[in-house]
Amino acid sequence: MFAERLRQWFPGLEPGKIAALEGHWQLLRLWNRKLNLTTVDDLDAAVERHYAESLFLGFHVSPGALDIADVGSGPGVPGVSGRRAAPGLHGDVDRVTPAQGRFPAEASRKQPNIRVMAKRAEELAGGFDVAISRAVSYRDLEGSLRRLTSRAMLLTGQEPPPDSLGFIWEPPIPLPWGEHRVLRIGTASS
């Protein structure tokens, strides 16, 4: 079921990559019982919101060895899950709390390009090539996004980002499967 759902949007995705994402999903379901990492626990919703969105973002990141801060992704999306299948996601992964950091650390144990940091974004020094985020409010990004990076990629709803984030945003890229979900790519304003 997982593979069929994901192939709806990514028909050419390699079987090994799909299997890796499904492995992440199985691990997430197990850990979610104790840590409450996500409220998205229905298979259809999880494939769309966690995995298809992660892949969509990952395929828009320039490939290469980038230091990426994944801001606020408790269940390891889009950073850890996207890194398993999308070529552009490399580098560091930021976590919100030490309790949530345990799951992404386990989920990325065999991925040498991911370093899970059990810190809040406000505690990180910055200097990342790009910051990615999914389902984090603009208000929660205001204190750290500009300090972390000069390039941001956010999976959000239709509401435009506020000027207070300090970025100039390209036109939003609609997600093919969601009426109200978009990818926003921005560069820090001078």
N, C-alpha and C. Protein backbone atom coordinates (compact mmCIF):
# COMPACT_ATOMS: atom_id res chain seq x y z
N MET A 1 0.81 -1.20 0.00
CA MET A 1 0.00 0.00 0.00
C MET A 1 0.86 1.26 0.00
N PHE A 2 1.89 1.30 0.86
CA PHE A 2 2.75 2.48 0.95
C PHE A 2 3.36 2.79 -0.42
N ALA A 3 3.95 1.78 -1.05
CA ALA A 3 4.63 1.97 -2.34
C ALA A 3 3.65 2.46 -3.40
N GLU A 4 2.47 1.88 -3.46
CA GLU A 4 1.49 2.28 -4.47
C GLU A 4 1.08 3.73 -4.29
N ARG A 5 0.88 4.13 -3.04
CA ARG A 5 0.48 5.51 -2.77
C ARG A 5 1.58 6.49 -3.19
N LEU A 6 2.82 6.18 -2.85
CA LEU A 6 3.94 7.07 -3.18
C LEU A 6 4.18 7.12 -4.69
N ARG A 7 3.98 6.01 -5.37
CA ARG A 7 4.19 5.98 -6.83
C ARG A 7 3.16 6.81 -7.58
N GLN A 8 2.04 7.14 -6.94
CA GLN A 8 1.06 8.02 -7.58
C GLN A 8 1.73 9.32 -8.00
N TRP A 9 2.62 9.85 -7.19
CA TRP A 9 3.25 11.13 -7.44
C TRP A 9 4.69 11.00 -7.93
N PHE A 10 5.33 9.89 -7.63
CA PHE A 10 6.72 9.67 -8.02
C PHE A 10 6.84 8.30 -8.68
N PRO A 11 6.28 8.14 -9.90
CA PRO A 11 6.24 6.82 -10.53
C PRO A 11 7.62 6.24 -10.84
N GLY A 12 8.63 7.07 -11.03
CA GLY A 12 9.95 6.57 -11.36
C GLY A 12 10.87 6.37 -10.18
N LEU A 13 10.35 6.54 -8.97
CA LEU A 13 11.19 6.40 -7.78
C LEU A 13 11.65 4.95 -7.63
N GLU A 14 12.94 4.79 -7.41
CA GLU A 14 13.54 3.46 -7.33
C GLU A 14 12.96 2.65 -6.16
N PRO A 15 12.77 1.34 -6.36
CA PRO A 15 12.21 0.49 -5.31
C PRO A 15 12.99 0.55 -3.99
N GLY A 16 14.32 0.62 -4.07
CA GLY A 16 15.12 0.69 -2.85
C GLY A 16 14.85 1.96 -2.05
N LYS A 17 14.60 3.06 -2.74
CA LYS A 17 14.30 4.31 -2.07
C LYS A 17 12.90 4.27 -1.45
N ILE A 18 11.98 3.67 -2.15
CA ILE A 18 10.64 3.51 -1.59
C ILE A 18 10.70 2.63 -0.34
N ALA A 19 11.46 1.57 -0.41
CA ALA A 19 11.60 0.67 0.75
C ALA A 19 12.22 1.42 1.94
N ALA A 20 13.19 2.29 1.68
CA ALA A 20 13.80 3.07 2.76
C ALA A 20 12.78 4.01 3.40
N LEU A 21 11.96 4.64 2.58
CA LEU A 21 10.93 5.54 3.11
C LEU A 21 9.88 4.75 3.89
N GLU A 22 9.50 3.59 3.38
CA GLU A 22 8.54 2.76 4.10
C GLU A 22 9.13 2.30 5.43
N GLY A 23 10.42 2.01 5.45
CA GLY A 23 11.09 1.65 6.70
C GLY A 23 11.03 2.79 7.71
N HIS A 24 11.21 4.01 7.21
CA HIS A 24 11.09 5.19 8.09
C HIS A 24 9.67 5.27 8.65
N TRP A 25 8.68 5.05 7.80
CA TRP A 25 7.28 5.10 8.22
C TRP A 25 6.99 4.05 9.30
N GLN A 26 7.47 2.84 9.10
CA GLN A 26 7.25 1.78 10.09
C GLN A 26 7.90 2.15 11.43
N LEU A 27 9.10 2.67 11.38
CA LEU A 27 9.80 3.09 12.59
C LEU A 27 9.06 4.25 13.26
N LEU A 28 8.60 5.19 12.46
CA LEU A 28 7.85 6.33 12.99
C LEU A 28 6.58 5.88 13.69
N ARG A 29 5.86 4.95 13.12
CA ARG A 29 4.63 4.45 13.73
C ARG A 29 4.92 3.82 15.09
N LEU A 30 6.00 3.07 15.16
CA LEU A 30 6.39 2.42 16.41
C LEU A 30 6.76 3.44 17.48
N TRP A 31 7.61 4.38 17.14
CA TRP A 31 8.07 5.39 18.10
C TRP A 31 6.97 6.40 18.46
N ASN A 32 6.06 6.63 17.53
CA ASN A 32 5.01 7.63 17.77
C ASN A 32 4.10 7.25 18.93
N ARG A 33 4.01 5.97 19.22
CA ARG A 33 3.17 5.52 20.33
C ARG A 33 3.67 6.06 21.67
N LYS A 34 4.99 6.26 21.79
CA LYS A 34 5.55 6.72 23.06
C LYS A 34 5.91 8.20 23.06
N LEU A 35 6.36 8.72 21.92
CA LEU A 35 6.85 10.10 21.90
C LEU A 35 5.90 11.10 21.29
N ASN A 36 4.80 10.66 20.70
CA ASN A 36 3.84 11.57 20.08
C ASN A 36 4.55 12.55 19.13
N LEU A 37 5.23 12.00 18.14
CA LEU A 37 6.01 12.79 17.19
C LEU A 37 5.16 13.46 16.13
N THR A 38 4.01 12.88 15.82
CA THR A 38 3.16 13.43 14.77
C THR A 38 1.71 13.02 15.03
N THR A 39 0.79 13.87 14.59
CA THR A 39 -0.63 13.51 14.66
C THR A 39 -1.08 12.87 13.34
N VAL A 40 -0.22 12.91 12.33
CA VAL A 40 -0.53 12.33 11.03
C VAL A 40 -0.16 10.85 11.10
N ASP A 41 -1.17 10.01 11.34
CA ASP A 41 -0.88 8.59 11.47
C ASP A 41 -1.66 7.70 10.50
N ASP A 42 -2.50 8.30 9.69
CA ASP A 42 -3.22 7.58 8.63
C ASP A 42 -2.26 7.38 7.46
N LEU A 43 -2.22 6.20 6.87
CA LEU A 43 -1.27 5.90 5.80
C LEU A 43 -1.35 6.89 4.65
N ASP A 44 -2.55 7.14 4.14
CA ASP A 44 -2.69 8.07 3.01
C ASP A 44 -2.17 9.45 3.35
N ALA A 45 -2.56 9.96 4.50
CA ALA A 45 -2.12 11.30 4.92
C ALA A 45 -0.62 11.32 5.16
N ALA A 46 -0.08 10.27 5.77
CA ALA A 46 1.36 10.22 6.04
C ALA A 46 2.18 10.18 4.75
N VAL A 47 1.75 9.38 3.79
CA VAL A 47 2.48 9.32 2.53
C VAL A 47 2.48 10.69 1.87
N GLU A 48 1.35 11.35 1.86
CA GLU A 48 1.27 12.67 1.23
C GLU A 48 2.04 13.72 2.01
N ARG A 49 1.74 13.86 3.30
CA ARG A 49 2.30 14.97 4.09
C ARG A 49 3.75 14.74 4.48
N HIS A 50 4.10 13.54 4.88
CA HIS A 50 5.47 13.30 5.33
C HIS A 50 6.42 12.98 4.18
N TYR A 51 6.03 12.06 3.31
CA TYR A 51 6.99 11.51 2.35
C TYR A 51 6.93 12.19 0.99
N ALA A 52 5.75 12.38 0.43
CA ALA A 52 5.67 13.06 -0.86
C ALA A 52 6.15 14.51 -0.74
N GLU A 53 5.77 15.19 0.34
CA GLU A 53 6.24 16.57 0.53
C GLU A 53 7.75 16.61 0.71
N SER A 54 8.31 15.67 1.46
CA SER A 54 9.76 15.61 1.65
C SER A 54 10.48 15.41 0.32
N LEU A 55 9.97 14.50 -0.49
CA LEU A 55 10.58 14.25 -1.79
C LEU A 55 10.46 15.46 -2.70
N PHE A 56 9.30 16.09 -2.71
CA PHE A 56 9.08 17.26 -3.54
C PHE A 56 10.10 18.35 -3.19
N LEU A 57 10.27 18.61 -1.91
CA LEU A 57 11.26 19.58 -1.49
C LEU A 57 12.66 19.12 -1.87
N GLY A 58 12.98 17.86 -1.61
CA GLY A 58 14.31 17.34 -1.89
C GLY A 58 14.70 17.44 -3.35
N PHE A 59 13.74 17.27 -4.24
CA PHE A 59 14.04 17.37 -5.65
C PHE A 59 14.20 18.81 -6.12
N HIS A 60 13.87 19.77 -5.26
CA HIS A 60 14.07 21.19 -5.58
C HIS A 60 15.35 21.75 -4.96
N VAL A 61 16.00 20.97 -4.12
CA VAL A 61 17.27 21.40 -3.54
C VAL A 61 18.37 21.10 -4.55
N SER A 62 19.28 22.03 -4.73
CA SER A 62 20.42 21.79 -5.63
C SER A 62 21.22 20.62 -5.10
N PRO A 63 21.53 19.63 -5.96
CA PRO A 63 22.31 18.49 -5.49
C PRO A 63 23.70 18.91 -5.07
N GLY A 64 24.26 18.21 -4.14
CA GLY A 64 25.61 18.48 -3.69
C GLY A 64 25.71 18.39 -2.19
N ALA A 65 26.90 18.59 -1.72
CA ALA A 65 27.17 18.51 -0.28
C ALA A 65 26.84 19.84 0.38
N LEU A 66 25.61 20.00 0.75
CA LEU A 66 25.16 21.23 1.40
C LEU A 66 24.95 20.96 2.89
N ASP A 67 25.23 21.96 3.69
CA ASP A 67 24.84 21.88 5.10
C ASP A 67 23.43 22.41 5.20
N ILE A 68 22.51 21.54 5.57
CA ILE A 68 21.09 21.88 5.61
C ILE A 68 20.58 21.78 7.03
N ALA A 69 19.92 22.83 7.48
CA ALA A 69 19.26 22.80 8.78
C ALA A 69 17.79 22.47 8.53
N ASP A 70 17.34 21.39 9.10
CA ASP A 70 15.94 20.99 9.00
C ASP A 70 15.27 21.49 10.28
N VAL A 71 14.63 22.63 10.19
CA VAL A 71 14.13 23.32 11.37
C VAL A 71 12.79 22.75 11.82
N GLY A 72 12.78 22.22 13.03
CA GLY A 72 11.54 21.82 13.67
C GLY A 72 10.89 20.55 13.15
N SER A 73 11.67 19.59 12.69
CA SER A 73 11.03 18.40 12.13
C SER A 73 11.12 17.23 13.10
N GLY A 74 10.27 17.23 14.10
CA GLY A 74 10.27 16.18 15.10
C GLY A 74 10.28 14.77 14.57
N PRO A 75 9.42 14.41 13.59
CA PRO A 75 9.44 13.04 13.10
C PRO A 75 10.46 12.78 11.99
N GLY A 76 11.35 13.74 11.76
CA GLY A 76 12.38 13.53 10.75
C GLY A 76 11.94 13.85 9.34
N VAL A 77 10.93 14.70 9.19
CA VAL A 77 10.51 15.14 7.87
C VAL A 77 10.58 16.66 7.82
N PRO A 78 11.08 17.20 6.75
CA PRO A 78 11.47 16.55 5.50
C PRO A 78 12.91 16.04 5.46
N GLY A 79 13.75 16.40 6.41
CA GLY A 79 15.18 16.10 6.34
C GLY A 79 15.57 14.65 6.29
N VAL A 80 15.26 13.88 7.31
CA VAL A 80 15.70 12.49 7.37
C VAL A 80 14.99 11.65 6.31
N SER A 81 13.69 11.77 6.21
CA SER A 81 12.96 10.94 5.24
C SER A 81 13.32 11.35 3.81
N GLY A 82 13.41 12.63 3.56
CA GLY A 82 13.77 13.08 2.21
C GLY A 82 15.18 12.69 1.84
N ARG A 83 16.08 12.69 2.79
CA ARG A 83 17.47 12.33 2.54
C ARG A 83 17.59 10.87 2.08
N ARG A 84 16.67 10.05 2.49
CA ARG A 84 16.72 8.65 2.08
C ARG A 84 16.45 8.47 0.59
N ALA A 85 15.78 9.43 -0.03
CA ALA A 85 15.38 9.21 -1.41
C ALA A 85 15.68 10.37 -2.36
N ALA A 86 15.73 11.59 -1.88
CA ALA A 86 15.94 12.74 -2.76
C ALA A 86 17.41 13.13 -2.77
N PRO A 87 17.98 13.34 -3.94
CA PRO A 87 19.41 13.56 -4.05
C PRO A 87 19.90 14.87 -3.44
N GLY A 88 19.07 15.87 -3.32
CA GLY A 88 19.54 17.16 -2.86
C GLY A 88 19.69 17.32 -1.37
N LEU A 89 19.13 16.45 -0.58
CA LEU A 89 19.15 16.65 0.87
C LEU A 89 20.36 15.99 1.50
N HIS A 90 21.29 16.80 1.92
CA HIS A 90 22.50 16.36 2.61
C HIS A 90 22.67 17.24 3.83
N GLY A 91 23.49 16.85 4.75
CA GLY A 91 23.93 17.75 5.80
C GLY A 91 23.23 17.57 7.12
N ASP A 92 23.28 18.62 7.91
CA ASP A 92 22.83 18.59 9.29
C ASP A 92 21.31 18.65 9.39
N VAL A 93 20.80 18.08 10.45
CA VAL A 93 19.38 18.07 10.71
C VAL A 93 19.15 18.64 12.10
N ASP A 94 18.36 19.67 12.21
CA ASP A 94 18.07 20.31 13.48
C ASP A 94 16.81 19.71 14.08
N ARG A 95 16.80 19.50 15.37
CA ARG A 95 15.63 18.97 16.08
C ARG A 95 15.20 19.94 17.16
N VAL A 96 13.93 19.91 17.50
CA VAL A 96 13.39 20.87 18.44
C VAL A 96 13.70 20.53 19.89
N THR A 97 13.54 19.29 20.30
CA THR A 97 13.79 18.94 21.70
C THR A 97 14.61 17.66 21.78
N PRO A 98 15.34 17.49 22.88
CA PRO A 98 16.11 16.24 23.02
C PRO A 98 15.25 14.99 22.92
N ALA A 99 14.02 15.00 23.43
CA ALA A 99 13.16 13.81 23.34
C ALA A 99 12.88 13.48 21.88
N GLN A 100 12.58 14.50 21.07
CA GLN A 100 12.33 14.24 19.66
C GLN A 100 13.60 13.88 18.93
N GLY A 101 14.74 14.34 19.40
CA GLY A 101 16.01 14.04 18.76
C GLY A 101 16.35 12.57 18.76
N ARG A 102 15.83 11.84 19.70
CA ARG A 102 16.12 10.40 19.76
C ARG A 102 15.58 9.67 18.54
N PHE A 103 14.38 10.01 18.11
CA PHE A 103 13.82 9.32 16.94
C PHE A 103 14.60 9.62 15.67
N PRO A 104 14.84 10.89 15.31
CA PRO A 104 15.62 11.14 14.09
C PRO A 104 17.02 10.53 14.14
N ALA A 105 17.61 10.48 15.33
CA ALA A 105 18.93 9.86 15.45
C ALA A 105 18.85 8.37 15.11
N GLU A 106 17.82 7.71 15.58
CA GLU A 106 17.63 6.29 15.26
C GLU A 106 17.29 6.11 13.79
N ALA A 107 16.42 6.96 13.26
CA ALA A 107 15.99 6.84 11.87
C ALA A 107 17.11 7.11 10.88
N SER A 108 18.12 7.86 11.30
CA SER A 108 19.22 8.21 10.39
C SER A 108 20.53 7.52 10.75
N ARG A 109 20.46 6.53 11.61
CA ARG A 109 21.65 5.86 12.14
C ARG A 109 22.60 5.38 11.04
N LYS A 110 22.09 4.91 9.93
CA LYS A 110 22.93 4.38 8.86
C LYS A 110 23.18 5.39 7.75
N GLN A 111 22.88 6.64 8.00
CA GLN A 111 23.07 7.68 6.99
C GLN A 111 24.18 8.62 7.46
N PRO A 112 25.38 8.47 6.92
CA PRO A 112 26.52 9.22 7.41
C PRO A 112 26.44 10.73 7.18
N ASN A 113 25.62 11.19 6.24
CA ASN A 113 25.55 12.61 5.96
C ASN A 113 24.56 13.36 6.83
N ILE A 114 23.99 12.70 7.81
CA ILE A 114 23.03 13.37 8.69
C ILE A 114 23.58 13.36 10.11
N ARG A 115 23.57 14.53 10.70
CA ARG A 115 23.98 14.69 12.10
C ARG A 115 22.78 15.28 12.83
N VAL A 116 22.22 14.53 13.73
CA VAL A 116 21.05 14.99 14.47
C VAL A 116 21.53 15.81 15.66
N MET A 117 21.00 17.00 15.77
CA MET A 117 21.38 17.92 16.83
C MET A 117 20.16 18.15 17.71
N ALA A 118 20.21 17.70 18.94
CA ALA A 118 19.08 17.84 19.85
C ALA A 118 19.11 19.24 20.47
N LYS A 119 18.91 20.24 19.62
CA LYS A 119 18.91 21.64 20.05
C LYS A 119 17.78 22.36 19.36
N ARG A 120 17.38 23.45 19.96
CA ARG A 120 16.42 24.33 19.31
C ARG A 120 17.15 25.14 18.25
N ALA A 121 16.44 25.56 17.22
CA ALA A 121 17.06 26.34 16.15
C ALA A 121 17.73 27.60 16.70
N GLU A 122 17.15 28.18 17.73
CA GLU A 122 17.71 29.39 18.32
C GLU A 122 19.08 29.16 18.94
N GLU A 123 19.41 27.91 19.25
CA GLU A 123 20.69 27.58 19.88
C GLU A 123 21.80 27.26 18.88
N LEU A 124 21.46 27.13 17.61
CA LEU A 124 22.46 26.78 16.60
C LEU A 124 23.22 28.03 16.15
N ALA A 125 24.48 27.83 15.78
CA ALA A 125 25.34 28.95 15.42
C ALA A 125 25.01 29.56 14.06
N GLY A 126 24.44 28.81 13.17
CA GLY A 126 24.16 29.32 11.83
C GLY A 126 25.21 28.87 10.84
N GLY A 127 25.24 29.55 9.70
CA GLY A 127 26.20 29.21 8.66
C GLY A 127 25.77 28.06 7.77
N PHE A 128 24.49 27.69 7.80
CA PHE A 128 23.98 26.62 6.94
C PHE A 128 23.80 27.15 5.52
N ASP A 129 23.94 26.27 4.54
CA ASP A 129 23.72 26.65 3.15
C ASP A 129 22.25 26.92 2.87
N VAL A 130 21.40 26.14 3.50
CA VAL A 130 19.96 26.29 3.31
C VAL A 130 19.25 25.76 4.56
N ALA A 131 18.11 26.35 4.87
CA ALA A 131 17.25 25.83 5.94
C ALA A 131 15.98 25.34 5.28
N ILE A 132 15.53 24.17 5.71
CA ILE A 132 14.27 23.61 5.21
C ILE A 132 13.33 23.44 6.40
N SER A 133 12.06 23.47 6.12
CA SER A 133 11.09 23.32 7.19
C SER A 133 9.75 22.91 6.61
N ARG A 134 9.00 22.17 7.40
CA ARG A 134 7.65 21.74 7.01
C ARG A 134 6.75 21.86 8.22
N ALA A 135 5.61 22.50 8.04
CA ALA A 135 4.59 22.59 9.09
C ALA A 135 5.09 23.32 10.34
N VAL A 136 5.92 24.32 10.15
CA VAL A 136 6.36 25.17 11.26
C VAL A 136 5.81 26.56 11.00
N SER A 137 5.23 27.17 12.01
CA SER A 137 4.61 28.48 11.82
C SER A 137 5.67 29.54 11.52
N TYR A 138 5.26 30.54 10.77
CA TYR A 138 6.18 31.65 10.47
C TYR A 138 6.66 32.30 11.77
N ARG A 139 5.77 32.43 12.72
CA ARG A 139 6.16 33.05 14.00
C ARG A 139 7.29 32.26 14.67
N ASP A 140 7.23 30.94 14.59
CA ASP A 140 8.28 30.12 15.19
C ASP A 140 9.60 30.19 14.43
N LEU A 141 9.55 30.60 13.17
CA LEU A 141 10.77 30.73 12.37
C LEU A 141 11.41 32.11 12.50
N GLU A 142 10.65 33.10 12.95
CA GLU A 142 11.13 34.48 12.98
C GLU A 142 12.43 34.67 13.75
N GLY A 143 12.60 34.01 14.86
CA GLY A 143 13.77 34.24 15.68
C GLY A 143 15.05 33.61 15.19
N SER A 144 14.96 32.68 14.24
CA SER A 144 16.18 31.95 13.89
C SER A 144 16.46 31.79 12.40
N LEU A 145 15.46 31.85 11.55
CA LEU A 145 15.66 31.49 10.15
C LEU A 145 16.75 32.35 9.49
N ARG A 146 16.67 33.64 9.63
CA ARG A 146 17.64 34.55 8.99
C ARG A 146 19.04 34.35 9.57
N ARG A 147 19.14 34.05 10.85
CA ARG A 147 20.43 33.83 11.48
C ARG A 147 21.07 32.52 11.02
N LEU A 148 20.25 31.52 10.73
CA LEU A 148 20.76 30.22 10.32
C LEU A 148 21.31 30.20 8.91
N THR A 149 20.69 30.98 8.01
CA THR A 149 21.00 30.81 6.58
C THR A 149 20.59 32.04 5.78
N SER A 150 21.06 32.07 4.55
CA SER A 150 20.61 33.11 3.62
C SER A 150 19.67 32.53 2.57
N ARG A 151 19.37 31.23 2.66
CA ARG A 151 18.46 30.57 1.71
C ARG A 151 17.53 29.65 2.49
N ALA A 152 16.24 29.74 2.19
CA ALA A 152 15.25 28.94 2.92
C ALA A 152 14.28 28.29 1.94
N MET A 153 13.83 27.09 2.32
CA MET A 153 12.82 26.36 1.55
C MET A 153 11.78 25.85 2.55
N LEU A 154 10.58 26.38 2.43
CA LEU A 154 9.54 26.08 3.40
C LEU A 154 8.34 25.42 2.73
N LEU A 155 7.88 24.32 3.31
CA LEU A 155 6.63 23.70 2.89
C LEU A 155 5.55 24.29 3.79
N THR A 156 4.65 25.05 3.18
CA THR A 156 3.67 25.81 3.96
C THR A 156 2.30 25.75 3.32
N GLY A 157 1.39 26.48 3.95
CA GLY A 157 0.08 26.70 3.38
C GLY A 157 0.11 27.92 2.47
N GLN A 158 -1.07 28.39 2.08
CA GLN A 158 -1.19 29.49 1.13
C GLN A 158 -0.78 30.85 1.70
N GLU A 159 -0.83 31.01 3.00
CA GLU A 159 -0.52 32.31 3.60
C GLU A 159 0.92 32.72 3.29
N PRO A 160 1.12 33.93 2.72
CA PRO A 160 2.47 34.35 2.38
C PRO A 160 3.31 34.62 3.64
N PRO A 161 4.60 34.41 3.54
CA PRO A 161 5.47 34.66 4.69
C PRO A 161 5.51 36.16 5.02
N PRO A 162 5.64 36.50 6.29
CA PRO A 162 5.73 37.92 6.66
C PRO A 162 7.10 38.50 6.32
N ASP A 163 7.14 39.80 6.12
CA ASP A 163 8.40 40.49 5.86
C ASP A 163 9.38 40.32 7.01
N SER A 164 8.86 40.10 8.22
CA SER A 164 9.71 39.98 9.41
C SER A 164 10.67 38.79 9.35
N LEU A 165 10.44 37.83 8.43
CA LEU A 165 11.38 36.73 8.28
C LEU A 165 12.68 37.20 7.64
N GLY A 166 12.64 38.30 6.90
CA GLY A 166 13.85 38.85 6.30
C GLY A 166 14.28 38.16 5.01
N PHE A 167 13.32 37.65 4.25
CA PHE A 167 13.62 36.96 3.00
C PHE A 167 12.81 37.55 1.86
N ILE A 168 13.36 37.43 0.66
CA ILE A 168 12.63 37.75 -0.57
C ILE A 168 12.22 36.40 -1.16
N TRP A 169 10.93 36.22 -1.40
CA TRP A 169 10.39 34.92 -1.78
C TRP A 169 10.08 34.84 -3.27
N GLU A 170 10.48 33.74 -3.87
CA GLU A 170 10.09 33.45 -5.25
C GLU A 170 8.60 33.14 -5.26
N PRO A 171 7.98 33.14 -6.44
CA PRO A 171 6.56 32.73 -6.49
C PRO A 171 6.41 31.32 -5.90
N PRO A 172 5.35 31.09 -5.13
CA PRO A 172 5.18 29.77 -4.52
C PRO A 172 4.99 28.67 -5.57
N ILE A 173 5.50 27.50 -5.26
CA ILE A 173 5.35 26.34 -6.15
C ILE A 173 4.28 25.43 -5.54
N PRO A 174 3.12 25.32 -6.19
CA PRO A 174 2.06 24.47 -5.64
C PRO A 174 2.47 23.00 -5.63
N LEU A 175 2.11 22.32 -4.56
CA LEU A 175 2.35 20.88 -4.51
C LEU A 175 1.29 20.21 -5.38
N PRO A 176 1.68 19.23 -6.18
CA PRO A 176 0.75 18.64 -7.15
C PRO A 176 -0.47 17.98 -6.52
N TRP A 177 -0.41 17.58 -5.28
CA TRP A 177 -1.49 16.81 -4.67
C TRP A 177 -2.26 17.59 -3.62
N GLY A 178 -1.86 18.79 -3.31
CA GLY A 178 -2.54 19.52 -2.25
C GLY A 178 -3.04 20.87 -2.72
N GLU A 179 -4.31 21.12 -2.54
CA GLU A 179 -4.88 22.38 -2.97
C GLU A 179 -4.29 23.58 -2.24
N HIS A 180 -3.93 23.39 -1.00
CA HIS A 180 -3.53 24.52 -0.18
C HIS A 180 -2.09 24.45 0.31
N ARG A 181 -1.26 23.59 -0.28
CA ARG A 181 0.12 23.43 0.16
C ARG A 181 1.07 23.91 -0.94
N VAL A 182 2.13 24.62 -0.54
CA VAL A 182 3.09 25.15 -1.49
C VAL A 182 4.51 25.01 -0.93
N LEU A 183 5.46 25.08 -1.84
CA LEU A 183 6.87 25.18 -1.49
C LEU A 183 7.27 26.63 -1.73
N ARG A 184 7.86 27.24 -0.71
CA ARG A 184 8.33 28.61 -0.81
C ARG A 184 9.86 28.60 -0.72
N ILE A 185 10.49 29.26 -1.69
CA ILE A 185 11.94 29.36 -1.72
C ILE A 185 12.32 30.82 -1.59
N GLY A 186 13.17 31.11 -0.63
CA GLY A 186 13.53 32.50 -0.39
C GLY A 186 15.01 32.72 -0.20
N THR A 187 15.43 33.94 -0.47
CA THR A 187 16.80 34.38 -0.27
C THR A 187 16.76 35.57 0.68
N ALA A 188 17.71 35.60 1.61
CA ALA A 188 17.73 36.67 2.61
C ALA A 188 17.82 38.03 1.92
N SER A 189 17.02 38.97 2.42
CA SER A 189 17.08 40.33 1.88
C SER A 189 18.31 41.03 2.43
N SER A 190 18.79 42.00 1.70
CA SER A 190 20.03 42.70 2.11
C SER A 190 19.86 43.47 3.39
